């Protein structure tokens, strides 16, 4: 899990920018997961082996969890600085 930088001098605009970037990263991984689920379903429907596609999906899901944790830490920090 990646921790947000511990910079006590980070101003509000920088924090908001980092939070927006974190939201974009979460959204991007969510789109990738949706696409990978389609790939798995298509392979499965055609009777193909889905092991590798499912492995990639699991990796994306782990990445999403990490991205969400980083975003949530920034959200907590933003709420604490108001």
N, C-alpha and C. Protein backbone atom coordinates (compact mmCIF):
# COMPACT_ATOMS: atom_id res chain seq x y z
N UNK A 1 0.85 -1.17 0.00
CA UNK A 1 0.00 0.00 0.00
C UNK A 1 0.89 1.24 0.00
N UNK A 2 0.57 2.19 -0.82
CA UNK A 2 1.33 3.42 -0.91
C UNK A 2 0.73 4.44 0.04
N UNK A 3 1.57 5.03 0.84
CA UNK A 3 1.12 6.04 1.79
C UNK A 3 1.26 7.42 1.17
N UNK A 4 0.29 8.30 1.40
CA UNK A 4 0.46 9.67 0.94
C UNK A 4 1.67 10.29 1.62
N UNK A 5 2.35 11.18 0.93
CA UNK A 5 3.52 11.85 1.47
C UNK A 5 3.16 12.60 2.74
N UNK A 6 4.00 12.51 3.73
CA UNK A 6 3.76 13.16 5.02
C UNK A 6 4.39 14.56 5.02
N UNK A 7 3.81 15.48 4.29
CA UNK A 7 4.35 16.83 4.20
C UNK A 7 3.43 17.76 4.98
N UNK A 8 3.88 18.17 6.16
CA UNK A 8 3.05 19.00 7.03
C UNK A 8 2.76 20.35 6.40
N UNK A 9 3.57 20.78 5.44
CA UNK A 9 3.39 22.08 4.83
C UNK A 9 2.54 22.04 3.55
N UNK A 10 1.97 20.88 3.23
CA UNK A 10 1.17 20.79 2.02
C UNK A 10 -0.05 21.72 2.16
N UNK A 11 -0.20 22.62 1.21
CA UNK A 11 -1.33 23.53 1.29
C UNK A 11 -2.61 22.87 0.76
N UNK A 12 -3.69 23.53 1.00
CA UNK A 12 -5.00 22.99 0.66
C UNK A 12 -5.12 22.71 -0.85
N UNK A 13 -4.63 23.59 -1.69
CA UNK A 13 -4.75 23.38 -3.14
C UNK A 13 -3.93 22.17 -3.59
N UNK A 14 -2.77 21.97 -3.00
CA UNK A 14 -1.95 20.80 -3.34
C UNK A 14 -2.65 19.52 -2.89
N UNK A 15 -3.25 19.57 -1.73
CA UNK A 15 -3.98 18.41 -1.22
C UNK A 15 -5.17 18.09 -2.12
N UNK A 16 -5.88 19.11 -2.53
CA UNK A 16 -7.02 18.90 -3.43
C UNK A 16 -6.57 18.35 -4.78
N UNK A 17 -5.44 18.83 -5.27
CA UNK A 17 -4.90 18.32 -6.54
C UNK A 17 -4.53 16.84 -6.41
N UNK A 18 -3.87 16.49 -5.32
CA UNK A 18 -3.48 15.09 -5.10
C UNK A 18 -4.72 14.21 -4.94
N UNK A 19 -5.75 14.74 -4.30
CA UNK A 19 -6.98 13.98 -4.13
C UNK A 19 -7.66 13.75 -5.48
N UNK A 20 -7.68 14.78 -6.32
CA UNK A 20 -8.27 14.63 -7.66
C UNK A 20 -7.50 13.59 -8.48
N UNK A 21 -6.18 13.61 -8.37
CA UNK A 21 -5.36 12.62 -9.07
C UNK A 21 -5.64 11.22 -8.55
N UNK A 22 -5.81 11.09 -7.25
CA UNK A 22 -6.11 9.78 -6.65
C UNK A 22 -7.46 9.28 -7.14
N UNK A 23 -8.44 10.17 -7.24
CA UNK A 23 -9.77 9.78 -7.75
C UNK A 23 -9.67 9.30 -9.19
N UNK A 24 -8.85 9.97 -9.99
CA UNK A 24 -8.65 9.57 -11.38
C UNK A 24 -8.01 8.18 -11.47
N UNK A 25 -7.04 7.93 -10.58
CA UNK A 25 -6.38 6.61 -10.58
C UNK A 25 -7.37 5.51 -10.21
N UNK A 26 -8.23 5.78 -9.23
CA UNK A 26 -9.25 4.80 -8.83
C UNK A 26 -10.19 4.55 -10.00
N UNK A 27 -10.66 5.60 -10.64
CA UNK A 27 -11.60 5.46 -11.76
C UNK A 27 -10.96 4.68 -12.91
N UNK A 28 -9.68 4.95 -13.19
CA UNK A 28 -8.99 4.26 -14.28
C UNK A 28 -8.91 2.76 -14.01
N UNK A 29 -8.57 2.38 -12.78
CA UNK A 29 -8.48 0.96 -12.44
C UNK A 29 -9.86 0.31 -12.47
N UNK A 30 -10.89 1.05 -12.03
CA UNK A 30 -12.25 0.51 -12.09
C UNK A 30 -12.65 0.21 -13.54
N UNK A 31 -12.27 1.09 -14.46
CA UNK A 31 -12.56 0.84 -15.89
C UNK A 31 -11.79 -0.38 -16.39
N UNK A 32 -10.53 -0.50 -15.96
CA UNK A 32 -9.73 -1.64 -16.38
C UNK A 32 -10.33 -2.95 -15.85
N UNK A 33 -10.84 -2.92 -14.63
CA UNK A 33 -11.47 -4.11 -14.05
C UNK A 33 -12.71 -4.48 -14.83
N UNK A 34 -13.53 -3.50 -15.17
CA UNK A 34 -14.74 -3.77 -15.94
C UNK A 34 -14.39 -4.40 -17.29
N UNK A 35 -13.36 -3.87 -17.93
CA UNK A 35 -12.93 -4.42 -19.23
C UNK A 35 -12.39 -5.84 -19.06
N UNK A 36 -11.61 -6.07 -18.02
CA UNK A 36 -11.05 -7.40 -17.81
C UNK A 36 -12.14 -8.41 -17.48
N UNK A 37 -13.17 -7.99 -16.76
CA UNK A 37 -14.30 -8.89 -16.49
C UNK A 37 -14.99 -9.29 -17.79
N UNK A 38 -15.09 -8.35 -18.73
CA UNK A 38 -15.66 -8.67 -20.04
C UNK A 38 -14.80 -9.70 -20.76
N UNK A 39 -13.49 -9.51 -20.68
CA UNK A 39 -12.56 -10.46 -21.33
C UNK A 39 -12.75 -11.85 -20.73
N UNK A 40 -12.81 -11.94 -19.43
CA UNK A 40 -13.01 -13.23 -18.77
C UNK A 40 -14.32 -13.86 -19.23
N UNK A 41 -15.39 -13.08 -19.25
CA UNK A 41 -16.70 -13.60 -19.65
C UNK A 41 -16.69 -14.08 -21.10
N UNK A 42 -16.05 -13.31 -21.97
CA UNK A 42 -15.99 -13.70 -23.39
C UNK A 42 -15.17 -14.98 -23.57
N UNK A 43 -14.05 -15.06 -22.90
CA UNK A 43 -13.23 -16.28 -22.99
C UNK A 43 -14.00 -17.49 -22.46
N UNK A 44 -14.65 -17.30 -21.34
CA UNK A 44 -15.42 -18.37 -20.72
C UNK A 44 -16.56 -18.82 -21.63
N UNK A 45 -17.25 -17.87 -22.23
CA UNK A 45 -18.38 -18.19 -23.12
C UNK A 45 -17.92 -18.97 -24.35
N UNK A 46 -16.71 -18.74 -24.78
CA UNK A 46 -16.17 -19.44 -25.96
C UNK A 46 -15.46 -20.73 -25.58
N UNK A 47 -15.46 -21.05 -24.29
CA UNK A 47 -14.85 -22.30 -23.84
C UNK A 47 -13.34 -22.26 -23.72
N UNK A 48 -12.77 -21.06 -23.70
CA UNK A 48 -11.32 -20.92 -23.58
C UNK A 48 -10.90 -20.95 -22.11
N UNK A 49 -9.65 -21.25 -21.89
CA UNK A 49 -9.09 -21.22 -20.55
C UNK A 49 -9.03 -19.76 -20.08
N UNK A 50 -9.45 -19.53 -18.86
CA UNK A 50 -9.51 -18.16 -18.35
C UNK A 50 -8.52 -17.90 -17.21
N UNK A 51 -7.66 -18.86 -16.94
CA UNK A 51 -6.75 -18.74 -15.79
C UNK A 51 -5.93 -17.44 -15.82
N UNK A 52 -5.29 -17.17 -16.93
CA UNK A 52 -4.44 -15.98 -17.02
C UNK A 52 -5.28 -14.71 -16.92
N UNK A 53 -6.41 -14.68 -17.60
CA UNK A 53 -7.28 -13.50 -17.56
C UNK A 53 -7.80 -13.26 -16.14
N UNK A 54 -8.12 -14.33 -15.43
CA UNK A 54 -8.58 -14.19 -14.04
C UNK A 54 -7.44 -13.74 -13.12
N UNK A 55 -6.24 -14.21 -13.41
CA UNK A 55 -5.07 -13.80 -12.64
C UNK A 55 -4.84 -12.28 -12.81
N UNK A 56 -4.95 -11.82 -14.04
CA UNK A 56 -4.82 -10.38 -14.29
C UNK A 56 -5.93 -9.60 -13.59
N UNK A 57 -7.13 -10.13 -13.62
CA UNK A 57 -8.25 -9.48 -12.93
C UNK A 57 -7.98 -9.37 -11.43
N UNK A 58 -7.48 -10.44 -10.85
CA UNK A 58 -7.17 -10.41 -9.41
C UNK A 58 -6.10 -9.36 -9.10
N UNK A 59 -5.11 -9.24 -9.98
CA UNK A 59 -4.09 -8.22 -9.80
C UNK A 59 -4.66 -6.82 -9.87
N UNK A 60 -5.58 -6.60 -10.80
CA UNK A 60 -6.23 -5.30 -10.90
C UNK A 60 -7.06 -4.99 -9.66
N UNK A 61 -7.71 -6.01 -9.13
CA UNK A 61 -8.52 -5.82 -7.93
C UNK A 61 -7.64 -5.45 -6.73
N UNK A 62 -6.46 -6.06 -6.65
CA UNK A 62 -5.51 -5.68 -5.59
C UNK A 62 -5.02 -4.24 -5.78
N UNK A 63 -4.75 -3.89 -7.03
CA UNK A 63 -4.32 -2.53 -7.32
C UNK A 63 -5.42 -1.53 -6.94
N UNK A 64 -6.66 -1.87 -7.24
CA UNK A 64 -7.78 -1.00 -6.87
C UNK A 64 -7.83 -0.79 -5.36
N UNK A 65 -7.66 -1.86 -4.61
CA UNK A 65 -7.67 -1.75 -3.16
C UNK A 65 -6.58 -0.79 -2.68
N UNK A 66 -5.40 -0.89 -3.26
CA UNK A 66 -4.30 0.00 -2.90
C UNK A 66 -4.63 1.44 -3.26
N UNK A 67 -5.16 1.64 -4.46
CA UNK A 67 -5.52 3.00 -4.90
C UNK A 67 -6.60 3.60 -4.00
N UNK A 68 -7.57 2.79 -3.61
CA UNK A 68 -8.64 3.27 -2.74
C UNK A 68 -8.10 3.63 -1.36
N UNK A 69 -7.18 2.82 -0.85
CA UNK A 69 -6.58 3.11 0.45
C UNK A 69 -5.82 4.43 0.42
N UNK A 70 -5.08 4.66 -0.64
CA UNK A 70 -4.34 5.92 -0.78
C UNK A 70 -5.30 7.10 -0.87
N UNK A 71 -6.35 6.94 -1.66
CA UNK A 71 -7.34 8.00 -1.78
C UNK A 71 -8.01 8.27 -0.44
N UNK A 72 -8.37 7.21 0.27
CA UNK A 72 -9.04 7.37 1.56
C UNK A 72 -8.15 8.08 2.58
N UNK A 73 -6.85 7.80 2.53
CA UNK A 73 -5.92 8.48 3.43
C UNK A 73 -5.88 9.98 3.11
N UNK A 74 -5.90 10.30 1.83
CA UNK A 74 -5.93 11.72 1.44
C UNK A 74 -7.24 12.37 1.86
N UNK A 75 -8.34 11.65 1.71
CA UNK A 75 -9.64 12.19 2.14
C UNK A 75 -9.65 12.48 3.64
N UNK A 76 -9.09 11.56 4.39
CA UNK A 76 -9.02 11.75 5.85
C UNK A 76 -8.18 12.98 6.18
N UNK A 77 -7.08 13.09 5.48
CA UNK A 77 -6.21 14.23 5.69
C UNK A 77 -6.91 15.54 5.32
N UNK A 78 -7.65 15.51 4.21
CA UNK A 78 -8.37 16.72 3.77
C UNK A 78 -9.43 17.12 4.78
N UNK A 79 -10.12 16.15 5.34
CA UNK A 79 -11.15 16.45 6.33
C UNK A 79 -10.54 17.00 7.62
N UNK A 80 -9.34 16.55 7.93
CA UNK A 80 -8.66 17.01 9.12
C UNK A 80 -8.08 18.41 8.98
N UNK A 81 -7.93 18.86 7.74
CA UNK A 81 -7.33 20.18 7.53
C UNK A 81 -8.37 21.27 7.31
N UNK A 82 -9.63 20.93 7.46
CA UNK A 82 -10.67 21.96 7.26
C UNK A 82 -10.96 22.72 8.52
